[in-house]
Amino acid sequence: MTIGELIKDLRKARGWSQGRLASEINKAFGTTLTREYIGRWERSAVTPGPFYLRCLSAVLDVPLAVLEDEVNRRTFLSDVAATAIAPVVASDLLSMGFAARLQGGPSVDRWEAKLATYGTEYMSLGAADIQRRVSGELVVVQQQLEDPHLWSVAARLMTLYAKTFPGSDGAKAVHWYRLAARAADHSGDDEARVWVRGRAAIALGYEGASLGVADVLADQALAVGADRPSLGLLNAVYGKAHAAALRGDSEAARNLDTHGRRIFDRAGSYEQTSDYAVPWWRLNVFRSLLLARLGDEKGALEAQEQAARELPAELPRFATHLELHRGLMLARSGDSAGGAAYAQAAMDALPPEKHSLTLRMLMDEIRA
């Protein structure tokens, strides 16, 4: 493990952004570090000298010997992090939970406002920051589940929380998606039941992970809400379409794409920058990757152009998605090295703190 990788892992374990780490060092030692400089450390473009190693040791609460020695670095996270960091996090969560129980917790309207905020922030924040914050919210809402509507809130929070884990491990993400579906069932809110399952299906299908689970959840969403066009149903249909494309069933994928566009015509969003929305540009992000996977270069390029035309400038991560779709097209056309290089250049142009688990999984698909 390089010193850059260790710094990155320790920073994420605390739920800090690169800017936060720079700020903590600056406050403690009177330095003028920037987020960009932390990024250079983490990419191993620059190695911190003895002074900054001491700063990192103090701010991250890690022995200096671990930062200085490669052998120690390789074993530190598994042997030390669980005991040095997790209790602090657990203490904070326990405190939040008991405080919520004693004080009654936020109102239903306040919870809905929180969900709306997280829906917007998900589009631009990194997975580690979202995971840290949502874990606290789940502890709080857990204390208020006497109100059936809050099962719907909890289900939607669980779905967002699941998105912070890589779907490829076949365990944590899937566990949370299934738990979210059960919570939505407990709420009795059919709209939430469909949305939670549809969001899980598109997440897993788009990532190319746990395709069997993606199909099951999509089918459940279709069974509950087939007669009511909704964004949850739209997500479910495109989740199934991606799963079909990855299995090589082009006919099913194309039929689902046609069905999905019909649902969009009735249920598409005007809201542009929320995870709870599917506007025109986001539909075309779904379709861009789907058609690239199907080898439909003309259709994929058209979808990419449609998406880029309306994509909000404050969402550069999704522009990177489109560039990776082009890299995938190159690789599928036979230029594996060129496709991987094109995609890697797009990833390198995006600030590291904006990289998502989904982008990394797309990179793996392109390299493969």
Protein backbone atom coordinates (compact mmCIF):
# COMPACT_ATOMS: atom_id res chain seq x y z
CA MET A 1 0.00 0.00 0.00
CA THR A 2 1.39 3.42 -0.96
CA ILE A 3 1.37 6.36 1.43
CA GLY A 4 -1.17 8.04 -0.87
CA GLU A 5 -3.55 5.08 -0.68
CA LEU A 6 -3.28 5.01 3.10
CA ILE A 7 -3.97 8.76 3.42
CA LYS A 8 -7.03 8.34 1.20
CA ASP A 9 -8.36 5.36 3.18
CA LEU A 10 -7.84 7.10 6.53
CA ARG A 11 -9.52 10.27 5.26
CA LYS A 12 -12.53 8.33 3.97
CA ALA A 13 -12.79 6.32 7.18
CA ARG A 14 -13.47 9.62 8.95
CA GLY A 15 -15.92 10.72 6.29
CA TRP A 16 -13.73 13.71 5.41
CA SER A 17 -13.36 15.35 2.01
CA GLN A 18 -9.91 16.30 0.76
CA GLY A 19 -10.76 19.90 1.59
CA ARG A 20 -11.66 18.94 5.16
CA LEU A 21 -8.34 17.14 5.66
CA ALA A 22 -6.45 20.17 4.34
CA SER A 23 -8.45 22.44 6.66
CA GLU A 24 -7.75 20.27 9.73
CA ILE A 25 -4.00 20.33 9.06
CA ASN A 26 -4.06 24.08 8.42
CA LYS A 27 -5.91 24.76 11.69
CA ALA A 28 -3.60 22.55 13.72
CA PHE A 29 -0.27 23.61 12.22
CA GLY A 30 -0.79 27.01 10.60
CA THR A 31 -0.10 25.68 7.10
CA THR A 32 -1.77 26.68 3.83
CA LEU A 33 -2.53 23.29 2.26
CA THR A 34 -5.20 23.10 -0.44
CA ARG A 35 -7.58 20.33 -1.48
CA GLU A 36 -5.61 19.98 -4.69
CA TYR A 37 -2.41 19.26 -2.79
CA ILE A 38 -4.10 16.52 -0.75
CA GLY A 39 -5.25 15.05 -4.06
CA ARG A 40 -1.66 15.02 -5.31
CA TRP A 41 -0.61 13.10 -2.21
CA GLU A 42 -3.39 10.58 -2.69
CA ARG A 43 -2.51 10.06 -6.36
CA SER A 44 1.16 9.63 -5.35
CA ALA A 45 2.08 12.55 -7.60
CA VAL A 46 3.83 14.06 -4.56
CA THR A 47 5.08 12.32 -1.41
CA PRO A 48 4.59 14.18 1.87
CA GLY A 49 7.88 15.06 3.58
CA PRO A 50 8.76 14.48 7.24
CA PHE A 51 6.95 17.63 8.46
CA TYR A 52 3.68 16.75 6.72
CA LEU A 53 3.93 13.12 7.83
CA ARG A 54 3.96 14.40 11.43
CA CYS A 55 0.96 16.62 10.62
CA LEU A 56 -0.93 13.68 9.16
CA SER A 57 -0.01 11.51 12.12
CA ALA A 58 -1.50 14.03 14.54
CA VAL A 59 -4.62 14.95 12.57
CA LEU A 60 -5.53 11.41 11.48
CA ASP A 61 -4.53 9.90 14.84
CA VAL A 62 -2.25 7.28 13.31
CA PRO A 63 1.25 6.33 14.52
CA LEU A 64 4.02 8.10 12.62
CA ALA A 65 5.78 4.76 12.11
CA VAL A 66 2.81 3.53 10.09
CA LEU A 67 3.07 6.48 7.71
CA GLU A 68 6.83 6.13 7.36
CA ASP A 69 7.13 2.37 6.83
CA GLU A 70 5.64 0.42 3.89
CA VAL A 71 5.36 -2.88 5.81
CA ASN A 72 3.45 -1.20 8.62
CA ARG A 73 1.16 0.50 6.11
CA ARG A 74 0.12 -2.82 4.57
CA THR A 75 -1.24 -4.17 7.84
CA PHE A 76 -2.43 -1.00 9.54
CA LEU A 77 -5.97 -0.66 8.20
CA SER A 78 -7.02 -4.20 9.06
CA ASP A 79 -5.22 -4.35 12.43
CA VAL A 80 -5.66 -0.82 13.74
CA ALA A 81 -8.41 1.08 11.97
CA ALA A 82 -11.23 -1.04 13.34
CA THR A 83 -10.15 -0.31 16.91
CA ALA A 84 -8.90 3.24 16.44
CA ILE A 85 -11.65 4.70 14.27
CA ALA A 86 -14.81 2.60 14.52
CA PRO A 87 -15.49 3.27 18.24
CA VAL A 88 -15.49 7.01 17.61
CA VAL A 89 -18.03 6.58 14.83
CA ALA A 90 -20.10 4.13 16.88
CA SER A 91 -20.11 6.53 19.84
CA ASP A 92 -21.44 9.35 17.69
CA LEU A 93 -24.16 7.13 16.23
CA LEU A 94 -25.25 5.82 19.63
CA SER A 95 -25.48 9.37 20.94
CA MET A 96 -27.59 10.46 17.97
CA GLY A 97 -29.93 7.50 18.40
CA PHE A 98 -30.60 8.07 22.09
CA ALA A 99 -30.98 11.82 21.59
CA ALA A 100 -33.58 11.20 18.88
CA ARG A 101 -35.49 8.80 21.16
CA LEU A 102 -35.50 11.25 24.04
CA GLN A 103 -36.37 14.33 21.99
CA GLY A 104 -38.83 12.79 19.52
CA GLY A 105 -36.78 13.31 16.35
CA PRO A 106 -37.62 15.35 13.24
CA SER A 107 -41.20 15.74 11.98
CA VAL A 108 -42.43 13.91 8.87
CA ASP A 109 -42.18 17.15 6.87
CA ARG A 110 -38.62 17.65 8.10
CA TRP A 111 -37.72 14.12 7.04
CA GLU A 112 -39.16 14.70 3.57
CA ALA A 113 -37.08 17.87 3.31
CA LYS A 114 -33.98 15.93 4.34
CA LEU A 115 -34.67 13.32 1.66
CA ALA A 116 -35.02 16.03 -0.97
CA THR A 117 -31.67 17.50 0.11
CA TYR A 118 -29.93 14.13 -0.02
CA GLY A 119 -31.46 13.46 -3.42
CA THR A 120 -29.80 16.61 -4.72
CA GLU A 121 -26.49 16.14 -2.90
CA TYR A 122 -26.13 12.56 -4.12
CA MET A 123 -25.66 13.89 -7.63
CA SER A 124 -22.43 15.67 -6.76
CA LEU A 125 -21.04 14.39 -3.43
CA GLY A 126 -18.77 11.40 -3.06
CA ALA A 127 -19.98 8.04 -1.75
CA ALA A 128 -17.99 8.25 1.51
CA ASP A 129 -19.52 11.56 2.53
CA ILE A 130 -23.07 10.40 1.72
CA GLN A 131 -22.53 7.09 3.54
CA ARG A 132 -21.31 8.77 6.72
CA ARG A 133 -24.19 11.23 6.85
CA VAL A 134 -26.97 8.81 5.90
CA SER A 135 -25.81 6.23 8.45
CA GLY A 136 -26.52 8.82 11.14
CA GLU A 137 -29.95 9.56 9.70
CA LEU A 138 -30.82 5.86 9.70
CA VAL A 139 -29.98 5.62 13.39
CA VAL A 140 -32.28 8.57 14.11
CA VAL A 141 -35.25 7.49 11.99
CA GLN A 142 -35.01 4.02 13.54
CA GLN A 143 -36.24 5.61 16.79
CA GLN A 144 -39.42 6.97 15.17
CA LEU A 145 -40.89 3.99 13.33
CA GLU A 146 -44.16 4.04 15.26
CA ASP A 147 -45.31 6.32 12.42
CA PRO A 148 -45.90 4.13 9.30
CA HIS A 149 -44.91 6.98 6.97
CA LEU A 150 -41.43 6.95 8.45
CA TRP A 151 -40.97 3.39 7.20
CA SER A 152 -41.19 4.96 3.74
CA VAL A 153 -38.56 7.54 4.74
CA ALA A 154 -36.33 4.78 6.14
CA ALA A 155 -36.74 2.71 2.96
CA ARG A 156 -35.63 5.59 0.75
CA LEU A 157 -32.67 6.36 3.03
CA MET A 158 -31.64 2.69 2.95
CA THR A 159 -31.73 2.74 -0.85
CA LEU A 160 -29.43 5.76 -0.91
CA TYR A 161 -27.17 4.12 1.68
CA ALA A 162 -26.96 0.98 -0.46
CA LYS A 163 -25.74 3.08 -3.39
CA THR A 164 -22.59 3.94 -1.40
CA PHE A 165 -21.40 0.32 -1.52
CA PRO A 166 -20.00 -1.32 -4.67
CA GLY A 167 -22.64 -3.64 -6.08
CA SER A 168 -19.94 -6.00 -7.32
CA ASP A 169 -19.33 -7.48 -3.89
CA GLY A 170 -22.76 -9.12 -4.04
CA ALA A 171 -23.28 -8.58 -0.33
CA LYS A 172 -23.56 -5.19 1.33
CA ALA A 173 -25.34 -3.29 -1.43
CA VAL A 174 -27.76 -6.14 -2.08
CA HIS A 175 -28.43 -6.59 1.63
CA TRP A 176 -29.42 -2.93 1.97
CA TYR A 177 -31.53 -2.94 -1.19
CA ARG A 178 -33.48 -5.95 0.08
CA LEU A 179 -33.86 -4.38 3.52
CA ALA A 180 -35.11 -1.19 1.87
CA ALA A 181 -37.72 -3.17 -0.07
CA ARG A 182 -38.97 -4.80 3.15
CA ALA A 183 -39.13 -1.42 4.89
CA ALA A 184 -41.13 0.01 2.00
CA ASP A 185 -43.55 -2.92 2.23
CA HIS A 186 -43.99 -2.16 5.93
CA SER A 187 -44.96 1.42 5.09
CA GLY A 188 -47.91 0.32 2.94
CA ASP A 189 -46.93 3.05 0.44
CA ASP A 190 -47.05 1.49 -3.04
CA GLU A 191 -45.23 4.44 -4.60
CA ALA A 192 -42.31 3.91 -2.22
CA ARG A 193 -42.42 0.15 -2.79
CA VAL A 194 -42.03 0.64 -6.53
CA TRP A 195 -39.46 3.42 -6.30
CA VAL A 196 -37.14 1.59 -3.89
CA ARG A 197 -37.13 -1.57 -6.02
CA GLY A 198 -36.79 0.33 -9.29
CA ARG A 199 -33.91 2.44 -8.00
CA ALA A 200 -32.11 -0.67 -6.80
CA ALA A 201 -32.69 -2.40 -10.15
CA ILE A 202 -31.27 0.45 -12.24
CA ALA A 203 -28.31 0.84 -9.88
CA LEU A 204 -27.37 -2.84 -10.10
CA GLY A 205 -28.16 -3.14 -13.82
CA TYR A 206 -26.25 0.02 -14.76
CA GLU A 207 -23.25 -1.13 -12.71
CA GLY A 208 -23.46 -4.61 -14.21
CA ALA A 209 -23.62 -6.13 -10.73
CA SER A 210 -25.85 -8.80 -9.17
CA LEU A 211 -28.00 -9.05 -12.30
CA GLY A 212 -30.24 -11.74 -10.83
CA VAL A 213 -31.14 -9.47 -7.91
CA ALA A 214 -31.68 -6.57 -10.31
CA ASP A 215 -34.17 -8.68 -12.27
CA VAL A 216 -36.03 -9.87 -9.15
CA LEU A 217 -36.40 -6.36 -7.73
CA ALA A 218 -37.45 -4.97 -11.12
CA ASP A 219 -40.06 -7.70 -11.53
CA GLN A 220 -41.41 -6.94 -8.06
CA ALA A 221 -41.68 -3.24 -8.95
CA LEU A 222 -43.51 -4.12 -12.16
CA ALA A 223 -45.90 -6.39 -10.28
CA VAL A 224 -46.80 -3.63 -7.79
CA GLY A 225 -46.93 -0.64 -10.12
CA ALA A 226 -47.34 -1.82 -13.72
CA ASP A 227 -50.62 0.04 -14.16
CA ARG A 228 -49.29 3.38 -12.84
CA PRO A 229 -46.42 4.96 -14.82
CA SER A 230 -43.89 6.34 -12.36
CA LEU A 231 -40.19 7.07 -11.99
CA GLY A 232 -39.82 3.89 -9.94
CA LEU A 233 -41.31 1.88 -12.78
CA LEU A 234 -39.08 3.66 -15.29
CA ASN A 235 -35.98 2.78 -13.24
CA ALA A 236 -37.13 -0.83 -12.95
CA VAL A 237 -37.59 -1.19 -16.72
CA TYR A 238 -34.14 0.21 -17.48
CA GLY A 239 -32.60 -1.96 -14.76
CA LYS A 240 -34.02 -5.01 -16.54
CA ALA A 241 -32.89 -3.65 -19.90
CA HIS A 242 -29.27 -3.34 -18.76
CA ALA A 243 -29.36 -6.82 -17.24
CA ALA A 244 -30.69 -8.21 -20.53
CA ALA A 245 -28.02 -6.40 -22.55
CA LEU A 246 -25.24 -7.74 -20.33
CA ARG A 247 -26.59 -11.26 -20.75
CA GLY A 248 -26.57 -10.84 -24.53
CA ASP A 249 -30.36 -10.75 -24.96
CA SER A 250 -30.49 -7.82 -27.37
CA GLU A 251 -34.13 -8.28 -28.35
CA ALA A 252 -35.36 -8.12 -24.74
CA ALA A 253 -33.13 -5.11 -24.03
CA ARG A 254 -34.47 -3.21 -27.03
CA ASN A 255 -38.09 -4.03 -26.18
CA LEU A 256 -37.53 -2.80 -22.64
CA ASP A 257 -35.92 0.38 -23.98
CA THR A 258 -39.05 1.04 -26.06
CA HIS A 259 -41.26 0.36 -23.04
CA GLY A 260 -39.12 2.65 -20.89
CA ARG A 261 -39.41 5.55 -23.31
CA ARG A 262 -43.19 5.21 -23.26
CA ILE A 263 -43.19 5.37 -19.46
CA PHE A 264 -40.92 8.42 -19.59
CA ASP A 265 -43.39 10.21 -21.85
CA ARG A 266 -45.95 9.96 -19.03
CA ALA A 267 -43.80 10.14 -15.91
CA GLY A 268 -40.54 11.93 -16.77
CA SER A 269 -39.23 14.69 -14.49
CA TYR A 270 -38.85 18.42 -14.86
CA GLU A 271 -36.55 18.45 -11.82
CA GLN A 272 -32.99 18.31 -13.18
CA THR A 273 -30.61 17.56 -10.32
CA SER A 274 -32.05 15.01 -7.90
CA ASP A 275 -31.58 11.28 -7.50
CA TYR A 276 -35.35 11.15 -7.16
CA ALA A 277 -35.76 12.58 -10.65
CA VAL A 278 -35.30 11.23 -14.19
CA PRO A 279 -35.26 14.20 -16.58
CA TRP A 280 -34.55 13.92 -20.30
CA TRP A 281 -30.77 14.12 -19.92
CA ARG A 282 -30.69 11.34 -17.32
CA LEU A 283 -32.90 9.06 -19.39
CA ASN A 284 -30.34 9.47 -22.15
CA VAL A 285 -27.49 8.59 -19.78
CA PHE A 286 -29.33 5.30 -19.13
CA ARG A 287 -29.84 4.79 -22.86
CA SER A 288 -26.31 5.82 -23.82
CA LEU A 289 -24.77 2.99 -21.81
CA LEU A 290 -27.48 0.53 -22.78
CA LEU A 291 -26.98 1.11 -26.50
CA ALA A 292 -23.18 1.06 -26.12
CA ARG A 293 -23.52 -2.34 -24.48
CA LEU A 294 -25.70 -3.48 -27.37
CA GLY A 295 -23.12 -2.32 -29.90
CA ASP A 296 -25.50 0.28 -31.38
CA GLU A 297 -22.93 3.01 -32.01
CA LYS A 298 -25.29 5.34 -33.86
CA GLY A 299 -28.00 5.11 -31.21
CA ALA A 300 -25.50 5.48 -28.36
CA LEU A 301 -23.93 8.59 -29.88
CA GLU A 302 -27.35 10.14 -30.40
CA ALA A 303 -28.26 9.47 -26.75
CA GLN A 304 -24.94 10.93 -25.62
CA GLU A 305 -25.54 14.09 -27.61
CA GLN A 306 -29.07 14.41 -26.22
CA ALA A 307 -27.79 13.97 -22.67
CA ALA A 308 -24.88 16.40 -23.08
CA ARG A 309 -27.18 19.06 -24.52
CA GLU A 310 -29.21 19.36 -21.30
CA LEU A 311 -26.82 18.04 -18.65
CA PRO A 312 -26.46 20.66 -15.85
CA ALA A 313 -22.96 22.11 -15.72
CA GLU A 314 -22.74 21.50 -11.96
CA LEU A 315 -22.82 17.72 -12.50
CA PRO A 316 -19.44 16.91 -14.11
CA ARG A 317 -19.55 13.32 -12.85
CA PHE A 318 -22.35 12.53 -15.30
CA ALA A 319 -20.41 14.08 -18.17
CA THR A 320 -17.67 11.60 -17.25
CA HIS A 321 -20.24 8.80 -17.45
CA LEU A 322 -20.90 9.76 -21.06
CA GLU A 323 -17.18 9.77 -21.85
CA LEU A 324 -16.82 6.30 -20.35
CA HIS A 325 -19.69 5.09 -22.51
CA ARG A 326 -17.67 6.24 -25.53
CA GLY A 327 -14.66 4.38 -24.17
CA LEU A 328 -16.81 1.26 -23.91
CA MET A 329 -17.93 1.68 -27.52
CA LEU A 330 -14.30 1.87 -28.65
CA ALA A 331 -13.40 -1.23 -26.67
CA ARG A 332 -16.39 -3.19 -28.02
CA SER A 333 -15.49 -2.20 -31.57
CA GLY A 334 -12.13 -3.95 -31.16
CA ASP A 335 -9.88 -1.14 -29.92
CA SER A 336 -9.53 -2.35 -26.34
CA ALA A 337 -6.42 -0.31 -25.55
CA GLY A 338 -7.82 2.84 -27.14
CA GLY A 339 -11.13 2.48 -25.30
CA ALA A 340 -9.43 1.99 -21.95
CA ALA A 341 -7.10 4.94 -22.56
CA TYR A 342 -9.99 7.21 -23.59
CA ALA A 343 -11.98 6.26 -20.50
CA GLN A 344 -8.99 6.63 -18.17
CA ALA A 345 -8.30 10.11 -19.53
CA ALA A 346 -11.90 11.06 -18.74
CA MET A 347 -11.54 9.69 -15.20
CA ASP A 348 -8.28 11.57 -14.70
CA ALA A 349 -9.95 14.82 -15.76
CA LEU A 350 -12.58 14.46 -13.01
CA PRO A 351 -11.43 15.51 -9.52
CA PRO A 352 -10.79 12.33 -7.47
CA GLU A 353 -13.26 13.29 -4.75
CA LYS A 354 -16.04 13.21 -7.38
CA HIS A 355 -15.25 9.66 -8.51
CA SER A 356 -18.09 7.28 -7.74
CA LEU A 357 -18.20 3.53 -7.24
CA THR A 358 -20.28 3.26 -10.40
CA LEU A 359 -17.64 5.02 -12.49
CA ARG A 360 -14.96 2.67 -11.16
CA MET A 361 -17.09 -0.33 -12.06
CA LEU A 362 -17.61 1.03 -15.57
CA MET A 363 -13.83 1.39 -15.89
CA ASP A 364 -13.49 -2.29 -14.91
CA GLU A 365 -16.04 -3.24 -17.56
CA ILE A 366 -14.15 -1.28 -20.23
CA ARG A 367 -10.81 -2.83 -19.28
CA ALA A 368 -12.38 -6.29 -19.41
